[in-house]
Amino acid sequence: MITPENLVRHELIGLQAMIRLSSNPQLSGISGRIIDESRNTLILETSEGREVTIVKDQCEISFRLPSGESVRVDGRLLVARPEDRIKKKLPKW
């Protein structure tokens, strides 16, 4: 089960996400469902069907959990391959 405490060590594909802050001003405010993830990027599918590639370490992302909770995460905590991120020791955030 995904909780705010274990989100950064969990599978992100399928979650709703919104870019809160970004070093690229064109990305701020974009929201959609995560459809793919690599070491450094997330790919969001917007409600219009457009696919947008987001660089993780340049953004602050707000995730909507299945329980309805919203959690803000600094993208730098997410930089790792998905399969390696679940093994990584992370600081309290």
Protein backbone atom coordinates (compact mmCIF):
# COMPACT_ATOMS: atom_id res chain seq x y z
CA MET A 1 0.00 0.00 0.00
CA ILE A 2 1.30 3.44 -0.92
CA THR A 3 1.56 5.90 1.96
CA PRO A 4 3.17 9.35 2.18
CA GLU A 5 6.05 7.78 4.13
CA ASN A 6 6.91 5.12 1.54
CA LEU A 7 6.01 6.96 -1.68
CA VAL A 8 9.60 7.63 -2.80
CA ARG A 9 10.41 3.91 -2.47
CA HIS A 10 7.25 2.78 -4.28
CA GLU A 11 6.19 2.24 -7.90
CA LEU A 12 5.14 5.58 -9.43
CA ILE A 13 3.67 4.42 -12.74
CA GLY A 14 -0.09 4.90 -12.73
CA LEU A 15 -0.16 7.68 -10.13
CA GLN A 16 -1.58 11.14 -10.86
CA ALA A 17 1.08 13.83 -10.62
CA MET A 18 1.31 17.61 -10.92
CA ILE A 19 4.48 19.64 -11.41
CA ARG A 20 4.43 22.31 -8.69
CA LEU A 21 7.80 23.97 -9.31
CA SER A 22 10.29 23.50 -12.10
CA SER A 23 13.47 25.12 -13.35
CA ASN A 24 11.69 25.05 -16.73
CA PRO A 25 8.74 27.47 -16.31
CA GLN A 26 6.81 25.81 -19.16
CA LEU A 27 6.44 22.63 -17.09
CA SER A 28 5.05 24.25 -13.94
CA GLY A 29 1.39 23.36 -13.50
CA ILE A 30 1.35 20.39 -15.88
CA SER A 31 -0.56 17.43 -14.52
CA GLY A 32 -1.36 13.94 -15.68
CA ARG A 33 -0.86 10.25 -15.09
CA ILE A 34 2.65 8.79 -14.95
CA ILE A 35 3.00 6.28 -17.78
CA ASP A 36 6.75 5.60 -17.72
CA GLU A 37 9.81 6.21 -15.61
CA SER A 38 13.55 6.06 -16.15
CA ARG A 39 16.51 6.97 -13.93
CA ASN A 40 16.23 10.71 -14.57
CA THR A 41 12.78 11.25 -16.10
CA LEU A 42 9.07 10.72 -15.69
CA ILE A 43 6.67 10.67 -18.63
CA LEU A 44 3.24 12.13 -17.92
CA GLU A 45 0.16 11.68 -20.08
CA THR A 46 -1.98 14.80 -19.81
CA SER A 47 -5.77 14.84 -20.02
CA GLU A 48 -5.43 15.97 -23.67
CA GLY A 49 -3.48 12.78 -24.45
CA ARG A 50 -0.13 14.58 -24.82
CA GLU A 51 3.01 12.93 -23.42
CA VAL A 52 5.36 15.23 -21.50
CA THR A 53 8.84 14.24 -20.33
CA ILE A 54 9.78 15.65 -16.93
CA VAL A 55 13.36 15.73 -15.60
CA LYS A 56 13.09 14.55 -11.97
CA ASP A 57 15.86 16.60 -10.37
CA GLN A 58 14.54 19.88 -11.79
CA CYS A 59 11.04 19.65 -10.30
CA GLU A 60 8.93 19.52 -7.18
CA ILE A 61 6.10 17.09 -7.84
CA SER A 62 2.77 16.63 -6.11
CA PHE A 63 1.47 13.05 -6.26
CA ARG A 64 -2.15 12.01 -5.68
CA LEU A 65 -2.21 8.70 -3.80
CA PRO A 66 -4.97 6.11 -4.33
CA SER A 67 -6.30 7.06 -0.87
CA GLY A 68 -6.87 10.61 -2.15
CA GLU A 69 -4.01 12.18 -0.21
CA SER A 70 -1.69 14.61 -1.96
CA VAL A 71 2.05 14.40 -1.27
CA ARG A 72 4.73 16.87 -2.40
CA VAL A 73 8.15 15.41 -3.20
CA ASP A 74 11.40 17.03 -4.25
CA GLY A 75 12.31 15.32 -7.52
CA ARG A 76 15.94 14.92 -6.43
CA LEU A 77 14.77 12.18 -4.01
CA LEU A 78 13.41 10.23 -6.98
CA VAL A 79 16.58 10.19 -9.11
CA ALA A 80 17.42 6.49 -9.46
CA ARG A 81 16.28 3.59 -11.54
CA PRO A 82 12.91 2.43 -10.20
CA GLU A 83 14.27 -0.99 -9.27
CA ASP A 84 17.20 0.57 -7.37
CA ARG A 85 15.16 3.26 -5.63
CA ILE A 86 13.25 0.72 -3.51
CA LYS A 87 16.55 -0.56 -2.05
CA LYS A 88 18.01 2.87 -1.33
CA LYS A 89 18.16 4.29 2.19
CA LEU A 90 16.50 7.67 2.11
CA PRO A 91 16.62 10.55 4.56
CA LYS A 92 13.48 11.46 6.50
CA TRP A 93 11.47 13.83 4.35
